[in-house]
Amino acid sequence: MQFNNLNKKTNEYKELKEKPHWQDPATKGTIKTQENPVNNSTLSDDDNRGRVAIFIDGLNLFHAALQLGIEIDYVKLLCRLTKTSRLLRAFFYTGMDSGNEKQQGFLLWMRRNGYRVVTKDMSVVVDNYKKPNLNVEIAVDMITLAPYYDTAVLVSGDGDLAYAVNAVSNLGARVEIIGLQTSASDSEARLRNHLIDVADEFIDFDSIKQHIQKDSYIGYSYRTSSNHQL
């Protein structure tokens, strides 16, 4: 991860620095009071969400969908997470296998349908792919863009992101967590609960799965990189 790109990112979002017109100038830059998160089946009142930035941990989302037994419709997911709020950016973080044409086609489709894709190459260890961790990328983007959004929607149950969530919260942004209430181990549950504790709201995937799953009769044509340039 090259941190010298942060100035470039800051310039890229310079024109988005102003908060929405409805926000009271007297409250701009103030630190919000931390409250206990609420487990709610619906996303927050759109009128209070302001400008929204979405950060999706692709691997975490994949495992959540696998556990729920559904296939994600990424158009529905983006609509559900944004609702009627103003979307700043929707990031999708994932490991990438450069030799996997199906994945390349999927990522191309994602880029052309509202997502900004952030990838990290997967390294091979004894014929097995090592799962890449993109928590640093997620944390840096969340904190760097914090002046430009009012609500961060983090799709992840990874407790290691709690520090970044707390930092964003202290900068005055609202944070919503989308994840699974259940987890495989006690240690994962403790980390997940810590993440929930520092967020403003937690939404269980199970409560919104009917709104984000792919209809059985709908299929997407993910074009492979052999025919299209990324």
C-alpha atoms as a PDB file:
ATOM      1  CA  MET A   1       0.000   0.000   0.000  1.00  0.00           C
ATOM      2  CA  GLN A   2       1.510   3.300  -1.040  1.00  0.00           C
ATOM      3  CA  PHE A   3       0.522   6.117   1.259  1.00  0.00           C
ATOM      4  CA  ASN A   4       1.927   8.750  -1.089  1.00  0.00           C
ATOM      5  CA  ASN A   5      -1.283   8.336  -3.076  1.00  0.00           C
ATOM      6  CA  LEU A   6      -3.306   9.945  -0.280  1.00  0.00           C
ATOM      7  CA  ASN A   7      -2.699  13.483  -1.567  1.00  0.00           C
ATOM      8  CA  LYS A   8      -3.941  12.388  -4.978  1.00  0.00           C
ATOM      9  CA  LYS A   9      -7.094  10.963  -3.393  1.00  0.00           C
ATOM     10  CA  THR A  10      -7.588  14.170  -1.391  1.00  0.00           C
ATOM     11  CA  ASN A  11      -7.419  16.264  -4.558  1.00  0.00           C
ATOM     12  CA  GLU A  12      -9.797  13.876  -6.292  1.00  0.00           C
ATOM     13  CA  TYR A  13     -12.471  14.527  -3.683  1.00  0.00           C
ATOM     14  CA  LYS A  14     -11.776  18.239  -3.200  1.00  0.00           C
ATOM     15  CA  GLU A  15     -14.938  19.233  -5.008  1.00  0.00           C
ATOM     16  CA  LEU A  16     -16.977  17.046  -2.648  1.00  0.00           C
ATOM     17  CA  LYS A  17     -15.730  18.690   0.535  1.00  0.00           C
ATOM     18  CA  GLU A  18     -18.871  20.684   1.255  1.00  0.00           C
ATOM     19  CA  LYS A  19     -21.506  18.888   3.286  1.00  0.00           C
ATOM     20  CA  PRO A  20     -25.122  18.638   2.071  1.00  0.00           C
ATOM     21  CA  HIS A  21     -27.048  21.915   2.132  1.00  0.00           C
ATOM     22  CA  TRP A  22     -29.408  20.698   4.859  1.00  0.00           C
ATOM     23  CA  GLN A  23     -26.653  20.316   7.419  1.00  0.00           C
ATOM     24  CA  ASP A  24     -26.535  23.035  10.045  1.00  0.00           C
ATOM     25  CA  PRO A  25     -23.225  24.940   9.613  1.00  0.00           C
ATOM     26  CA  ALA A  26     -23.064  25.394  13.374  1.00  0.00           C
ATOM     27  CA  THR A  27     -22.690  21.635  13.833  1.00  0.00           C
ATOM     28  CA  LYS A  28     -20.093  21.132  11.112  1.00  0.00           C
ATOM     29  CA  GLY A  29     -16.901  19.599  12.455  1.00  0.00           C
ATOM     30  CA  THR A  30     -18.328  18.739  15.862  1.00  0.00           C
ATOM     31  CA  ILE A  31     -17.696  15.377  17.451  1.00  0.00           C
ATOM     32  CA  LYS A  32     -20.766  13.240  17.883  1.00  0.00           C
ATOM     33  CA  THR A  33     -21.700  11.525  21.107  1.00  0.00           C
ATOM     34  CA  GLN A  34     -21.230   7.772  20.982  1.00  0.00           C
ATOM     35  CA  GLU A  35     -24.447   5.847  21.548  1.00  0.00           C
ATOM     36  CA  ASN A  36     -25.249   2.176  21.840  1.00  0.00           C
ATOM     37  CA  PRO A  37     -25.878   0.672  18.401  1.00  0.00           C
ATOM     38  CA  VAL A  38     -29.365  -0.458  17.533  1.00  0.00           C
ATOM     39  CA  ASN A  39     -29.985  -3.781  15.823  1.00  0.00           C
ATOM     40  CA  ASN A  40     -32.507  -2.828  13.174  1.00  0.00           C
ATOM     41  CA  SER A  41     -33.859  -4.715  10.182  1.00  0.00           C
ATOM     42  CA  THR A  42     -33.991  -1.547   8.086  1.00  0.00           C
ATOM     43  CA  LEU A  43     -31.378   1.036   7.271  1.00  0.00           C
ATOM     44  CA  SER A  44     -31.432   4.399   9.007  1.00  0.00           C
ATOM     45  CA  ASP A  45     -33.871   7.166   8.191  1.00  0.00           C
ATOM     46  CA  ASP A  46     -32.654   8.493   4.829  1.00  0.00           C
ATOM     47  CA  ASP A  47     -33.259  12.090   5.913  1.00  0.00           C
ATOM     48  CA  ASN A  48     -30.580  11.717   8.580  1.00  0.00           C
ATOM     49  CA  ARG A  49     -27.975   9.826   6.555  1.00  0.00           C
ATOM     50  CA  GLY A  50     -26.737  12.677   4.370  1.00  0.00           C
ATOM     51  CA  ARG A  51     -24.049  11.725   1.863  1.00  0.00           C
ATOM     52  CA  VAL A  52     -23.235   7.997   1.987  1.00  0.00           C
ATOM     53  CA  ALA A  53     -20.000   6.108   1.303  1.00  0.00           C
ATOM     54  CA  ILE A  54     -20.108   2.299   1.077  1.00  0.00           C
ATOM     55  CA  PHE A  55     -17.173   0.015   1.896  1.00  0.00           C
ATOM     56  CA  ILE A  56     -17.656  -3.678   1.089  1.00  0.00           C
ATOM     57  CA  ASP A  57     -15.288  -6.409   2.238  1.00  0.00           C
ATOM     58  CA  GLY A  58     -15.784  -8.795  -0.688  1.00  0.00           C
ATOM     59  CA  LEU A  59     -14.488 -11.927   1.045  1.00  0.00           C
ATOM     60  CA  ASN A  60     -16.566 -11.266   4.145  1.00  0.00           C
ATOM     61  CA  LEU A  61     -19.641 -10.709   1.987  1.00  0.00           C
ATOM     62  CA  PHE A  62     -18.980 -13.933   0.084  1.00  0.00           C
ATOM     63  CA  HIS A  63     -18.828 -15.967   3.300  1.00  0.00           C
ATOM     64  CA  ALA A  64     -21.970 -14.287   4.634  1.00  0.00           C
ATOM     65  CA  ALA A  65     -23.873 -15.148   1.449  1.00  0.00           C
ATOM     66  CA  LEU A  66     -22.558 -18.707   1.613  1.00  0.00           C
ATOM     67  CA  GLN A  67     -23.725 -19.072   5.207  1.00  0.00           C
ATOM     68  CA  LEU A  68     -27.163 -17.668   4.340  1.00  0.00           C
ATOM     69  CA  GLY A  69     -27.430 -19.867   1.255  1.00  0.00           C
ATOM     70  CA  ILE A  70     -28.055 -16.984  -1.159  1.00  0.00           C
ATOM     71  CA  GLU A  71     -26.407 -15.448  -4.215  1.00  0.00           C
ATOM     72  CA  ILE A  72     -25.929 -11.703  -4.015  1.00  0.00           C
ATOM     73  CA  ASP A  73     -27.537  -9.415  -6.578  1.00  0.00           C
ATOM     74  CA  TYR A  74     -25.034  -6.536  -6.585  1.00  0.00           C
ATOM     75  CA  VAL A  75     -27.453  -4.110  -8.225  1.00  0.00           C
ATOM     76  CA  LYS A  76     -30.008  -4.771  -5.493  1.00  0.00           C
ATOM     77  CA  LEU A  77     -27.276  -4.567  -2.844  1.00  0.00           C
ATOM     78  CA  LEU A  78     -26.133  -1.143  -3.996  1.00  0.00           C
ATOM     79  CA  CYS A  79     -29.712   0.134  -4.152  1.00  0.00           C
ATOM     80  CA  ARG A  80     -30.516  -1.284  -0.712  1.00  0.00           C
ATOM     81  CA  LEU A  81     -27.451   0.216   0.967  1.00  0.00           C
ATOM     82  CA  THR A  82     -27.892   3.604  -0.712  1.00  0.00           C
ATOM     83  CA  LYS A  83     -31.703   3.826  -0.692  1.00  0.00           C
ATOM     84  CA  THR A  84     -32.656   7.467  -1.371  1.00  0.00           C
ATOM     85  CA  SER A  85     -29.489   8.954   0.094  1.00  0.00           C
ATOM     86  CA  ARG A  86     -26.832  10.648  -2.006  1.00  0.00           C
ATOM     87  CA  LEU A  87     -24.054   8.174  -2.832  1.00  0.00           C
ATOM     88  CA  LEU A  88     -20.468   9.418  -2.710  1.00  0.00           C
ATOM     89  CA  ARG A  89     -18.655   6.177  -3.571  1.00  0.00           C
ATOM     90  CA  ALA A  90     -19.262   2.435  -3.297  1.00  0.00           C
ATOM     91  CA  PHE A  91     -16.001   0.505  -2.819  1.00  0.00           C
ATOM     92  CA  PHE A  92     -15.640  -3.237  -3.299  1.00  0.00           C
ATOM     93  CA  TYR A  93     -12.458  -4.798  -1.886  1.00  0.00           C
ATOM     94  CA  THR A  94     -11.323  -8.240  -2.990  1.00  0.00           C
ATOM     95  CA  GLY A  95      -8.376 -10.500  -3.681  1.00  0.00           C
ATOM     96  CA  MET A  96      -7.671 -10.996  -7.371  1.00  0.00           C
ATOM     97  CA  ASP A  97      -6.474 -13.992  -9.317  1.00  0.00           C
ATOM     98  CA  SER A  98      -5.126 -12.582 -12.592  1.00  0.00           C
ATOM     99  CA  GLY A  99      -5.527 -15.984 -14.264  1.00  0.00           C
ATOM    100  CA  ASN A 100      -9.213 -16.304 -13.433  1.00  0.00           C
ATOM    101  CA  GLU A 101     -11.126 -14.912 -16.440  1.00  0.00           C
ATOM    102  CA  LYS A 102     -14.511 -15.393 -14.800  1.00  0.00           C
ATOM    103  CA  GLN A 103     -13.427 -13.229 -11.877  1.00  0.00           C
ATOM    104  CA  GLN A 104     -11.940 -10.646 -14.251  1.00  0.00           C
ATOM    105  CA  GLY A 105     -15.262 -10.460 -16.071  1.00  0.00           C
ATOM    106  CA  PHE A 106     -17.129 -10.083 -12.772  1.00  0.00           C
ATOM    107  CA  LEU A 107     -14.866  -7.247 -11.608  1.00  0.00           C
ATOM    108  CA  LEU A 108     -15.254  -5.502 -14.965  1.00  0.00           C
ATOM    109  CA  TRP A 109     -19.034  -5.757 -14.590  1.00  0.00           C
ATOM    110  CA  MET A 110     -18.787  -4.332 -11.051  1.00  0.00           C
ATOM    111  CA  ARG A 111     -16.762  -1.343 -12.261  1.00  0.00           C
ATOM    112  CA  ARG A 112     -19.367  -0.609 -14.910  1.00  0.00           C
ATOM    113  CA  ASN A 113     -22.300  -0.902 -12.534  1.00  0.00           C
ATOM    114  CA  GLY A 114     -21.568   1.591  -9.804  1.00  0.00           C
ATOM    115  CA  TYR A 115     -18.671   0.078  -7.842  1.00  0.00           C
ATOM    116  CA  ARG A 116     -15.092   1.247  -7.432  1.00  0.00           C
ATOM    117  CA  VAL A 117     -13.119  -2.000  -7.224  1.00  0.00           C
ATOM    118  CA  VAL A 118      -9.981  -2.236  -5.060  1.00  0.00           C
ATOM    119  CA  THR A 119      -7.959  -5.418  -5.520  1.00  0.00           C
ATOM    120  CA  LYS A 120      -4.895  -7.137  -4.086  1.00  0.00           C
ATOM    121  CA  ASP A 121      -3.119  -9.978  -5.840  1.00  0.00           C
ATOM    122  CA  MET A 122      -3.397 -13.390  -4.225  1.00  0.00           C
ATOM    123  CA  SER A 123      -0.083 -15.126  -3.571  1.00  0.00           C
ATOM    124  CA  VAL A 124       0.337 -18.870  -3.971  1.00  0.00           C
ATOM    125  CA  VAL A 125       1.522 -20.875  -0.976  1.00  0.00           C
ATOM    126  CA  VAL A 126       2.063 -24.620  -1.607  1.00  0.00           C
ATOM    127  CA  ASP A 127      -0.578 -24.826  -4.341  1.00  0.00           C
ATOM    128  CA  ASN A 128      -3.120 -22.998  -2.169  1.00  0.00           C
ATOM    129  CA  TYR A 129      -4.135 -19.393  -2.536  1.00  0.00           C
ATOM    130  CA  LYS A 130      -3.410 -17.252   0.478  1.00  0.00           C
ATOM    131  CA  LYS A 131      -6.431 -15.139   1.344  1.00  0.00           C
ATOM    132  CA  PRO A 132      -5.471 -11.467   0.965  1.00  0.00           C
ATOM    133  CA  ASN A 133      -6.405  -9.104   3.766  1.00  0.00           C
ATOM    134  CA  LEU A 134      -7.590  -5.685   2.577  1.00  0.00           C
ATOM    135  CA  ASN A 135      -8.346  -4.225   6.012  1.00  0.00           C
ATOM    136  CA  VAL A 136      -5.585  -1.626   5.622  1.00  0.00           C
ATOM    137  CA  GLU A 137      -7.037  -0.446   2.315  1.00  0.00           C
ATOM    138  CA  ILE A 138     -10.545  -0.277   3.798  1.00  0.00           C
ATOM    139  CA  ALA A 139      -9.354   1.602   6.890  1.00  0.00           C
ATOM    140  CA  VAL A 140      -7.298   4.141   4.918  1.00  0.00           C
ATOM    141  CA  ASP A 141     -10.147   4.864   2.492  1.00  0.00           C
ATOM    142  CA  MET A 142     -12.688   5.221   5.300  1.00  0.00           C
ATOM    143  CA  ILE A 143     -10.519   7.710   7.191  1.00  0.00           C
ATOM    144  CA  THR A 144      -9.276   9.615   4.107  1.00  0.00           C
ATOM    145  CA  LEU A 145     -12.799  10.191   2.797  1.00  0.00           C
ATOM    146  CA  ALA A 146     -14.383  10.913   6.187  1.00  0.00           C
ATOM    147  CA  PRO A 147     -14.525  14.708   5.579  1.00  0.00           C
ATOM    148  CA  TYR A 148     -16.597  14.111   2.445  1.00  0.00           C
ATOM    149  CA  TYR A 149     -19.386  11.833   3.674  1.00  0.00           C
ATOM    150  CA  ASP A 150     -21.901  11.879   6.514  1.00  0.00           C
ATOM    151  CA  THR A 151     -22.590   8.146   6.784  1.00  0.00           C
ATOM    152  CA  ALA A 152     -20.232   5.232   6.216  1.00  0.00           C
ATOM    153  CA  VAL A 153     -21.794   1.853   5.445  1.00  0.00           C
ATOM    154  CA  LEU A 154     -19.290  -0.901   6.205  1.00  0.00           C
ATOM    155  CA  VAL A 155     -20.199  -4.343   4.897  1.00  0.00           C
ATOM    156  CA  SER A 156     -17.984  -6.527   7.075  1.00  0.00           C
ATOM    157  CA  GLY A 157     -17.991  -8.371  10.357  1.00  0.00           C
ATOM    158  CA  ASP A 158     -14.226  -8.168  10.809  1.00  0.00           C
ATOM    159  CA  GLY A 159     -13.529  -6.869  14.299  1.00  0.00           C
ATOM    160  CA  ASP A 160     -10.059  -5.711  13.254  1.00  0.00           C
ATOM    161  CA  LEU A 161     -11.774  -2.746  11.588  1.00  0.00           C
ATOM    162  CA  ALA A 162     -13.142  -1.475  14.928  1.00  0.00           C
ATOM    163  CA  TYR A 163     -10.287   1.008  15.385  1.00  0.00           C
ATOM    164  CA  ALA A 164     -10.920   2.562  11.962  1.00  0.00           C
ATOM    165  CA  VAL A 165     -14.665   2.703  12.625  1.00  0.00           C
ATOM    166  CA  ASN A 166     -14.038   4.464  15.941  1.00  0.00           C
ATOM    167  CA  ALA A 167     -11.673   6.938  14.256  1.00  0.00           C
ATOM    168  CA  VAL A 168     -14.262   7.770  11.584  1.00  0.00           C
ATOM    169  CA  SER A 169     -16.931   8.139  14.259  1.00  0.00           C
ATOM    170  CA  ASN A 170     -14.735  10.577  16.190  1.00  0.00           C
ATOM    171  CA  LEU A 171     -14.398  12.672  13.040  1.00  0.00           C
ATOM    172  CA  GLY A 172     -18.151  13.196  13.135  1.00  0.00           C
ATOM    173  CA  ALA A 173     -19.451  10.622  10.660  1.00  0.00           C
ATOM    174  CA  ARG A 174     -22.168   8.083  11.320  1.00  0.00           C
ATOM    175  CA  VAL A 175     -21.213   4.419  10.823  1.00  0.00           C
ATOM    176  CA  GLU A 176     -23.565   1.572   9.921  1.00  0.00           C
ATOM    177  CA  ILE A 177     -22.323  -2.016  10.016  1.00  0.00           C
ATOM    178  CA  ILE A 178     -23.839  -4.737   7.813  1.00  0.00           C
ATOM    179  CA  GLY A 179     -22.837  -8.233   8.918  1.00  0.00           C
ATOM    180  CA  LEU A 180     -23.868 -11.577  10.325  1.00  0.00           C
ATOM    181  CA  GLN A 181     -24.956 -11.812  13.943  1.00  0.00           C
ATOM    182  CA  THR A 182     -23.593 -15.344  14.198  1.00  0.00           C
ATOM    183  CA  SER A 183     -19.934 -16.341  13.856  1.00  0.00           C
ATOM    184  CA  ALA A 184     -17.820 -19.478  13.809  1.00  0.00           C
ATOM    185  CA  SER A 185     -15.922 -19.026  17.066  1.00  0.00           C
ATOM    186  CA  ASP A 186     -16.003 -17.199  20.405  1.00  0.00           C
ATOM    187  CA  SER A 187     -12.957 -15.120  19.483  1.00  0.00           C
ATOM    188  CA  GLU A 188     -14.590 -13.993  16.226  1.00  0.00           C
ATOM    189  CA  ALA A 189     -17.771 -13.183  18.147  1.00  0.00           C
ATOM    190  CA  ARG A 190     -15.849 -10.979  20.601  1.00  0.00           C
ATOM    191  CA  LEU A 191     -14.129  -9.095  17.795  1.00  0.00           C
ATOM    192  CA  ARG A 192     -17.412  -8.677  15.934  1.00  0.00           C
ATOM    193  CA  ASN A 193     -19.166  -7.411  19.057  1.00  0.00           C
ATOM    194  CA  HIS A 194     -16.391  -4.854  19.574  1.00  0.00           C
ATOM    195  CA  LEU A 195     -16.950  -3.639  16.018  1.00  0.00           C
ATOM    196  CA  ILE A 196     -20.686  -3.352  16.684  1.00  0.00           C
ATOM    197  CA  ASP A 197     -20.073  -1.468  19.929  1.00  0.00           C
ATOM    198  CA  VAL A 198     -18.169   1.362  18.241  1.00  0.00           C
ATOM    199  CA  ALA A 199     -20.683   1.710  15.385  1.00  0.00           C
ATOM    200  CA  ASP A 200     -23.934   3.664  15.429  1.00  0.00           C
ATOM    201  CA  GLU A 201     -26.090   0.910  13.986  1.00  0.00           C
ATOM    202  CA  PHE A 202     -25.811  -2.773  13.182  1.00  0.00           C
ATOM    203  CA  ILE A 203     -27.951  -4.477  10.537  1.00  0.00           C
ATOM    204  CA  ASP A 204     -27.960  -8.271  10.355  1.00  0.00           C
ATOM    205  CA  PHE A 205     -27.595  -9.705   6.851  1.00  0.00           C
ATOM    206  CA  ASP A 206     -30.304 -12.210   7.654  1.00  0.00           C
ATOM    207  CA  SER A 207     -32.850  -9.406   8.065  1.00  0.00           C
ATOM    208  CA  ILE A 208     -32.218  -7.945   4.590  1.00  0.00           C
ATOM    209  CA  LYS A 209     -31.312 -11.040   2.573  1.00  0.00           C
ATOM    210  CA  GLN A 210     -34.648 -11.049   0.752  1.00  0.00           C
ATOM    211  CA  HIS A 211     -33.837  -7.560  -0.557  1.00  0.00           C
ATOM    212  CA  ILE A 212     -30.325  -8.329  -1.842  1.00  0.00           C
ATOM    213  CA  GLN A 213     -30.465 -11.889  -3.163  1.00  0.00           C
ATOM    214  CA  LYS A 214     -30.457 -12.649  -6.851  1.00  0.00           C
ATOM    215  CA  ASP A 215     -33.714 -13.795  -8.414  1.00  0.00           C
ATOM    216  CA  SER A 216     -33.431 -17.324  -9.775  1.00  0.00           C
ATOM    217  CA  TYR A 217     -34.577 -16.273 -13.235  1.00  0.00           C
ATOM    218  CA  ILE A 218     -32.071 -13.431 -13.610  1.00  0.00           C
ATOM    219  CA  GLY A 219     -28.527 -13.955 -14.846  1.00  0.00           C
ATOM    220  CA  TYR A 220     -25.709 -11.489 -15.450  1.00  0.00           C
ATOM    221  CA  SER A 221     -23.341 -11.663 -18.393  1.00  0.00           C
ATOM    222  CA  TYR A 222     -19.908 -11.115 -16.866  1.00  0.00           C
ATOM    223  CA  ARG A 223     -17.615 -10.421 -19.788  1.00  0.00           C
ATOM    224  CA  THR A 224     -14.147 -11.950 -19.584  1.00  0.00           C
ATOM    225  CA  SER A 225     -10.931  -9.970 -19.804  1.00  0.00           C
ATOM    226  CA  SER A 226      -9.978 -11.829 -23.003  1.00  0.00           C
ATOM    227  CA  ASN A 227     -12.594  -9.796 -24.850  1.00  0.00           C
ATOM    228  CA  HIS A 228     -12.573  -6.548 -22.851  1.00  0.00           C
ATOM    229  CA  GLN A 229      -9.856  -4.405 -21.341  1.00  0.00           C
ATOM    230  CA  LEU A 230     -10.113  -3.667 -17.628  1.00  0.00           C
END
